[in-house]
Amino acid sequence: MAPDPGLIPGEPEPSAPDAPGRVSPSPVAPGSGWPGDPASPSTPVAASPADAARLAASAGTLAELTARESVCRACPRLVAWREQICAERRKSFQSERYWGRPIPGWGDDDPRILIVGLAPAAHGGNRTGRIFTGDRSGDFLFAALYRCGLAASPISVAADDGQRLLGVRIVAAVRCAPPDNKPTPGERSACEPWLATELAMVTQSLRAIVCLGGFGWQALWPALVKAGFTVPKPRPAFGHGVEVSLTHTGAPGTPSTASSSPVLLLGCYHPSQQNTFTGRVTPAMLDAVLTSAVSYSGRD
């Protein structure tokens, strides 16, 4: 199926309701009224990995950073795929408009706990515009967050559903939905500046990081170094329940202040459908990791 005709990048779309049987063009233009959209038509757009690194480094605030993340076009394969998904849509979502842009970090601006995932789902975050929202992985994760007192609701279905994270922020190692859920090493590296800068900006309040899956675990280490953390050598292998104590000493040029308390990194199996359906990760297992993060992050 050919992609829907798009608008000029950065040009706002009409906000009038869709006519019966018609869905407004996707992806969503910055500043056109999508709930929670951090960007505006004037937000600078990264057209290459070098642009992404430059724009991440020059972002003065977390709000500015997330706006720039949400319009990034640095990886041609990912841009083409996320927009193809918008055009083709899953049958059950044919009447819906898709976000179709990178998914920025979301949650508390001063989190005590940071959750790092792999990438947005094609018909989850890529559709709803919010990470772990609108798919079964998100259902599993948010139910656990709610049980552990870290989310206002046990469900996360849409960007305007009223959900709130409590002392938590969620980010993805790669901000765009990848084909077959497999970003390339080059795409992971291109997205790294967004992750490293976001880490640096929340370090002052941060006490624990929960890493969901081996891909996120591998992506996190170089970002931690760039954000000013001292990491162990050799790097610990990923595993469910693995815990690593990290020290933040500050990095020249990063917009953060060194934290006086160690940060606890915890490994956790990703709540993918394959893992949850087969029992590789259970609600009790996820609750145990989150409870450890809550317990540790409550220390002063």
Protein backbone atom coordinates (compact mmCIF):
# COMPACT_ATOMS: atom_id res chain seq x y z
CA MET A 1 0.00 0.00 0.00
CA ALA A 2 1.37 3.42 -0.88
CA PRO A 3 1.97 5.81 2.01
CA ASP A 4 -0.60 8.52 2.68
CA PRO A 5 0.39 11.90 1.23
CA GLY A 6 2.25 13.78 3.92
CA LEU A 7 2.60 17.40 4.87
CA ILE A 8 5.74 19.44 4.67
CA PRO A 9 7.85 18.55 7.76
CA GLY A 10 7.09 21.02 10.52
CA GLU A 11 3.90 22.38 8.91
CA PRO A 12 0.89 22.18 11.26
CA GLU A 13 -2.10 20.13 10.17
CA PRO A 14 -5.73 21.19 10.37
CA SER A 15 -7.23 20.33 13.73
CA ALA A 16 -10.79 19.78 12.50
CA PRO A 17 -12.31 16.36 13.22
CA ASP A 18 -11.98 13.69 10.56
CA ALA A 19 -14.87 13.28 8.16
CA PRO A 20 -16.71 9.94 8.44
CA GLY A 21 -14.63 7.18 6.90
CA ARG A 22 -11.55 9.39 6.59
CA VAL A 23 -8.44 9.38 8.74
CA SER A 24 -6.19 12.45 8.87
CA PRO A 25 -2.72 11.98 7.39
CA SER A 26 -0.10 10.37 9.56
CA PRO A 27 2.50 10.92 10.88
CA VAL A 28 1.44 13.77 13.14
CA ALA A 29 2.92 17.17 12.34
CA PRO A 30 4.69 18.89 15.28
CA GLY A 31 2.48 21.31 17.15
CA SER A 32 -0.76 20.19 15.49
CA GLY A 33 -2.55 19.33 18.72
CA TRP A 34 -1.65 15.71 19.50
CA PRO A 35 -1.92 15.18 23.29
CA GLY A 36 1.47 15.48 24.94
CA ASP A 37 3.33 16.51 21.77
CA PRO A 38 6.48 18.23 23.09
CA ALA A 39 7.44 19.79 19.73
CA SER A 40 6.31 22.80 17.73
CA PRO A 41 6.66 23.69 14.05
CA SER A 42 9.90 25.53 14.93
CA THR A 43 11.59 22.59 16.71
CA PRO A 44 14.89 21.83 14.93
CA VAL A 45 14.99 18.49 13.11
CA ALA A 46 18.00 16.17 13.05
CA ALA A 47 18.56 14.92 9.49
CA SER A 48 21.65 12.83 10.26
CA PRO A 49 23.41 11.16 13.21
CA ALA A 50 25.75 14.16 13.40
CA ASP A 51 22.72 16.46 13.65
CA ALA A 52 21.25 14.30 16.41
CA ALA A 53 24.47 14.51 18.42
CA ARG A 54 24.66 18.28 17.95
CA LEU A 55 21.01 18.96 18.79
CA ALA A 56 21.08 16.68 21.84
CA ALA A 57 24.22 18.38 23.18
CA SER A 58 22.81 21.88 22.66
CA ALA A 59 19.40 21.26 24.27
CA GLY A 60 19.21 23.50 27.30
CA THR A 61 16.30 21.82 29.08
CA LEU A 62 14.64 18.43 29.29
CA ALA A 63 11.57 19.84 27.53
CA GLU A 64 13.73 21.10 24.68
CA LEU A 65 15.50 17.76 24.45
CA THR A 66 12.29 15.71 24.27
CA ALA A 67 10.90 18.06 21.62
CA ARG A 68 13.98 17.50 19.48
CA GLU A 69 13.87 13.75 20.06
CA SER A 70 10.29 13.65 18.84
CA VAL A 71 11.05 15.01 15.36
CA CYS A 72 14.37 13.27 14.65
CA ARG A 73 14.89 11.95 11.09
CA ALA A 74 18.50 10.78 11.45
CA CYS A 75 17.96 7.15 10.39
CA PRO A 76 16.39 6.75 6.90
CA ARG A 77 15.40 3.09 7.36
CA LEU A 78 13.58 3.82 10.62
CA VAL A 79 11.87 6.92 9.23
CA ALA A 80 10.60 4.93 6.23
CA TRP A 81 9.37 2.06 8.40
CA ARG A 82 7.60 4.10 11.06
CA GLU A 83 5.77 6.09 8.35
CA GLN A 84 4.92 2.97 6.35
CA ILE A 85 3.23 1.58 9.46
CA CYS A 86 1.18 4.79 9.67
CA ALA A 87 -0.04 4.29 6.13
CA GLU A 88 -0.79 0.58 6.27
CA ARG A 89 -2.12 0.38 9.85
CA ARG A 90 -3.16 -2.79 11.60
CA LYS A 91 -6.69 -3.91 10.72
CA SER A 92 -7.95 -3.33 14.25
CA PHE A 93 -6.66 0.26 14.14
CA GLN A 94 -7.71 1.18 10.59
CA SER A 95 -9.87 4.07 11.79
CA GLU A 96 -7.13 5.53 13.99
CA ARG A 97 -4.54 8.13 13.23
CA TYR A 98 -0.95 7.09 14.01
CA TRP A 99 1.70 9.25 15.69
CA GLY A 100 4.46 7.94 13.41
CA ARG A 101 7.34 9.93 14.90
CA PRO A 102 10.13 9.11 17.38
CA ILE A 103 8.89 8.45 20.91
CA PRO A 104 10.51 10.82 23.42
CA GLY A 105 11.21 10.08 27.05
CA TRP A 106 8.10 10.36 29.21
CA GLY A 107 7.25 10.64 32.89
CA ASP A 108 8.64 12.50 35.88
CA ASP A 109 11.08 15.31 35.06
CA ASP A 110 12.96 14.55 38.29
CA PRO A 111 12.71 10.77 38.50
CA ARG A 112 14.16 8.59 41.19
CA ILE A 113 13.75 5.59 38.87
CA LEU A 114 14.53 5.45 35.15
CA ILE A 115 13.23 2.56 33.02
CA VAL A 116 15.10 1.86 29.78
CA GLY A 117 13.41 -0.19 27.07
CA LEU A 118 14.36 -1.34 23.58
CA ALA A 119 12.28 0.64 21.07
CA PRO A 120 8.63 1.59 20.49
CA ALA A 121 6.25 -1.04 19.16
CA ALA A 122 4.96 -0.49 15.62
CA HIS A 123 1.30 -0.49 16.71
CA GLY A 124 1.92 0.57 20.31
CA GLY A 125 4.09 3.64 20.83
CA ASN A 126 4.38 4.35 17.11
CA ARG A 127 0.57 4.54 17.05
CA THR A 128 -0.15 6.28 20.35
CA GLY A 129 2.88 8.56 20.66
CA ARG A 130 3.78 7.37 24.15
CA ILE A 131 6.24 4.68 25.13
CA PHE A 132 4.80 1.29 26.24
CA THR A 133 1.30 2.56 25.50
CA GLY A 134 -1.34 0.71 23.53
CA ASP A 135 0.17 -2.79 23.34
CA ARG A 136 0.39 -5.93 25.46
CA SER A 137 3.95 -5.25 26.64
CA GLY A 138 2.73 -1.93 27.98
CA ASP A 139 -0.28 -3.59 29.62
CA PHE A 140 2.09 -5.93 31.45
CA LEU A 141 4.53 -3.17 32.48
CA PHE A 142 1.99 -0.58 33.61
CA ALA A 143 0.06 -3.12 35.66
CA ALA A 144 3.31 -3.82 37.52
CA LEU A 145 4.14 -0.13 37.88
CA TYR A 146 0.69 0.44 39.38
CA ARG A 147 1.04 -2.47 41.80
CA CYS A 148 4.36 -1.01 42.98
CA GLY A 149 2.98 2.51 43.43
CA LEU A 150 4.81 3.95 40.42
CA ALA A 151 1.86 4.73 38.12
CA ALA A 152 -1.50 6.37 38.68
CA SER A 153 -3.38 3.71 36.71
CA PRO A 154 -2.81 0.03 35.81
CA ILE A 155 -3.47 0.72 32.12
CA SER A 156 -1.87 2.90 29.46
CA VAL A 157 -3.85 3.02 26.24
CA ALA A 158 -3.54 6.52 24.75
CA ALA A 159 -1.64 9.75 25.16
CA ASP A 160 -4.71 11.48 26.61
CA ASP A 161 -5.82 8.71 29.01
CA GLY A 162 -4.76 10.58 32.17
CA GLN A 163 -1.99 8.15 33.06
CA ARG A 164 0.84 9.56 35.19
CA LEU A 165 4.15 8.10 36.30
CA LEU A 166 5.07 8.67 39.95
CA GLY A 167 8.79 9.28 40.48
CA VAL A 168 9.55 7.35 37.29
CA ARG A 169 10.64 8.18 33.76
CA ILE A 170 10.61 5.75 30.80
CA VAL A 171 12.91 6.03 27.80
CA ALA A 172 13.83 3.80 24.85
CA ALA A 173 17.34 2.99 23.66
CA VAL A 174 16.08 3.61 20.11
CA ARG A 175 13.28 6.17 19.73
CA CYS A 176 11.71 4.80 16.50
CA ALA A 177 9.87 1.55 15.83
CA PRO A 178 12.29 -0.73 13.94
CA PRO A 179 11.43 -3.42 11.37
CA ASP A 180 11.12 -6.82 13.06
CA ASN A 181 11.77 -5.04 16.36
CA LYS A 182 15.51 -5.13 15.55
CA PRO A 183 17.42 -1.85 15.28
CA THR A 184 20.84 -2.06 13.65
CA PRO A 185 24.02 -1.26 15.62
CA GLY A 186 24.33 1.94 13.58
CA GLU A 187 20.78 3.01 14.48
CA ARG A 188 21.47 2.31 18.14
CA SER A 189 24.60 4.47 17.97
CA ALA A 190 22.76 7.26 16.14
CA CYS A 191 20.15 7.40 18.92
CA GLU A 192 22.71 7.23 21.73
CA PRO A 193 23.13 11.03 22.13
CA TRP A 194 19.44 11.40 22.97
CA LEU A 195 19.73 8.71 25.66
CA ALA A 196 23.02 9.99 27.08
CA THR A 197 21.80 13.57 27.34
CA GLU A 198 18.50 12.54 28.92
CA LEU A 199 20.43 10.49 31.47
CA ALA A 200 22.66 13.45 32.25
CA MET A 201 19.69 15.76 32.70
CA VAL A 202 17.95 13.55 35.28
CA THR A 203 21.00 12.32 37.18
CA GLN A 204 20.62 14.69 40.13
CA SER A 205 17.39 12.98 41.26
CA LEU A 206 18.13 9.52 39.90
CA ARG A 207 18.68 6.58 42.27
CA ALA A 208 17.85 3.48 40.22
CA ILE A 209 17.76 2.36 36.59
CA VAL A 210 15.73 -0.65 35.46
CA CYS A 211 16.91 -1.97 32.10
CA LEU A 212 14.39 -4.10 30.20
CA GLY A 213 16.15 -6.65 28.01
CA GLY A 214 19.60 -7.34 26.65
CA PHE A 215 19.44 -4.80 23.81
CA GLY A 216 18.74 -1.95 26.21
CA TRP A 217 21.47 -3.25 28.53
CA GLN A 218 24.05 -3.08 25.74
CA ALA A 219 22.85 0.34 24.56
CA LEU A 220 22.95 1.78 28.06
CA TRP A 221 26.66 1.36 28.86
CA PRO A 222 28.15 3.88 26.39
CA ALA A 223 25.35 6.31 27.23
CA LEU A 224 26.18 5.99 30.94
CA VAL A 225 29.82 6.84 30.26
CA LYS A 226 28.88 9.89 28.18
CA ALA A 227 26.48 11.00 30.93
CA GLY A 228 29.32 11.00 33.45
CA PHE A 229 29.02 7.63 35.18
CA THR A 230 31.95 5.47 36.16
CA VAL A 231 31.15 1.95 35.02
CA PRO A 232 32.81 -1.35 36.01
CA LYS A 233 35.25 -3.15 33.73
CA PRO A 234 34.54 -5.62 32.34
CA ARG A 235 30.92 -4.69 31.90
CA PRO A 236 28.58 -7.05 33.76
CA ALA A 237 26.59 -9.45 31.60
CA PHE A 238 22.85 -8.94 31.33
CA GLY A 239 20.58 -11.13 33.40
CA HIS A 240 17.25 -10.91 35.15
CA GLY A 241 17.80 -9.55 38.64
CA VAL A 242 21.43 -8.53 38.05
CA GLU A 243 22.34 -5.48 40.14
CA VAL A 244 25.25 -3.09 39.52
CA SER A 245 26.19 -0.06 41.62
CA LEU A 246 27.13 2.98 39.53
CA THR A 247 28.84 6.21 40.59
CA HIS A 248 28.21 9.50 38.86
CA THR A 249 31.24 11.77 38.80
CA GLY A 250 30.07 14.24 36.17
CA ALA A 251 31.25 14.70 32.61
CA PRO A 252 32.60 17.88 31.03
CA GLY A 253 29.99 19.55 28.89
CA THR A 254 26.99 17.59 30.19
CA PRO A 255 24.02 19.52 31.61
CA SER A 256 24.00 17.78 34.99
CA THR A 257 25.33 17.98 38.51
CA ALA A 258 27.07 14.97 40.04
CA SER A 259 24.90 12.97 42.40
CA SER A 260 26.27 12.20 45.85
CA SER A 261 24.53 8.80 45.99
CA PRO A 262 25.31 5.69 43.94
CA VAL A 263 22.76 4.69 41.31
CA LEU A 264 21.61 1.07 41.25
CA LEU A 265 21.29 -0.53 37.81
CA LEU A 266 18.95 -3.55 37.67
CA GLY A 267 18.53 -5.99 34.80
CA CYS A 268 15.04 -7.27 33.97
CA TYR A 269 13.73 -9.48 31.19
CA HIS A 270 11.77 -7.47 28.66
CA PRO A 271 7.97 -7.80 28.99
CA SER A 272 7.59 -8.79 25.34
CA GLN A 273 4.67 -11.02 24.41
CA GLN A 274 7.06 -13.88 23.76
CA ASN A 275 8.56 -13.55 27.25
CA THR A 276 5.26 -13.06 29.08
CA PHE A 277 3.35 -15.78 27.18
CA THR A 278 6.09 -18.35 27.79
CA GLY A 279 6.53 -17.43 31.45
CA ARG A 280 10.14 -16.31 31.02
CA VAL A 281 9.06 -13.20 32.86
CA THR A 282 6.07 -13.29 35.20
CA PRO A 283 4.23 -10.53 37.07
CA ALA A 284 5.96 -11.64 40.28
CA MET A 285 9.40 -11.44 38.63
CA LEU A 286 8.77 -7.92 37.31
CA ASP A 287 7.30 -6.82 40.63
CA ALA A 288 10.41 -8.07 42.44
CA VAL A 289 12.75 -5.98 40.27
CA LEU A 290 10.58 -2.87 40.57
CA THR A 291 10.25 -3.36 44.32
CA SER A 292 14.04 -3.50 44.61
CA ALA A 293 14.28 -0.26 42.64
CA VAL A 294 11.67 1.39 44.86
CA SER A 295 13.40 0.21 48.02
CA TYR A 296 16.79 1.43 46.88
CA SER A 297 15.55 4.74 45.47
CA GLY A 298 13.85 5.55 48.76
CA ARG A 299 17.21 5.84 50.49
CA ASP A 300 18.62 9.32 51.05
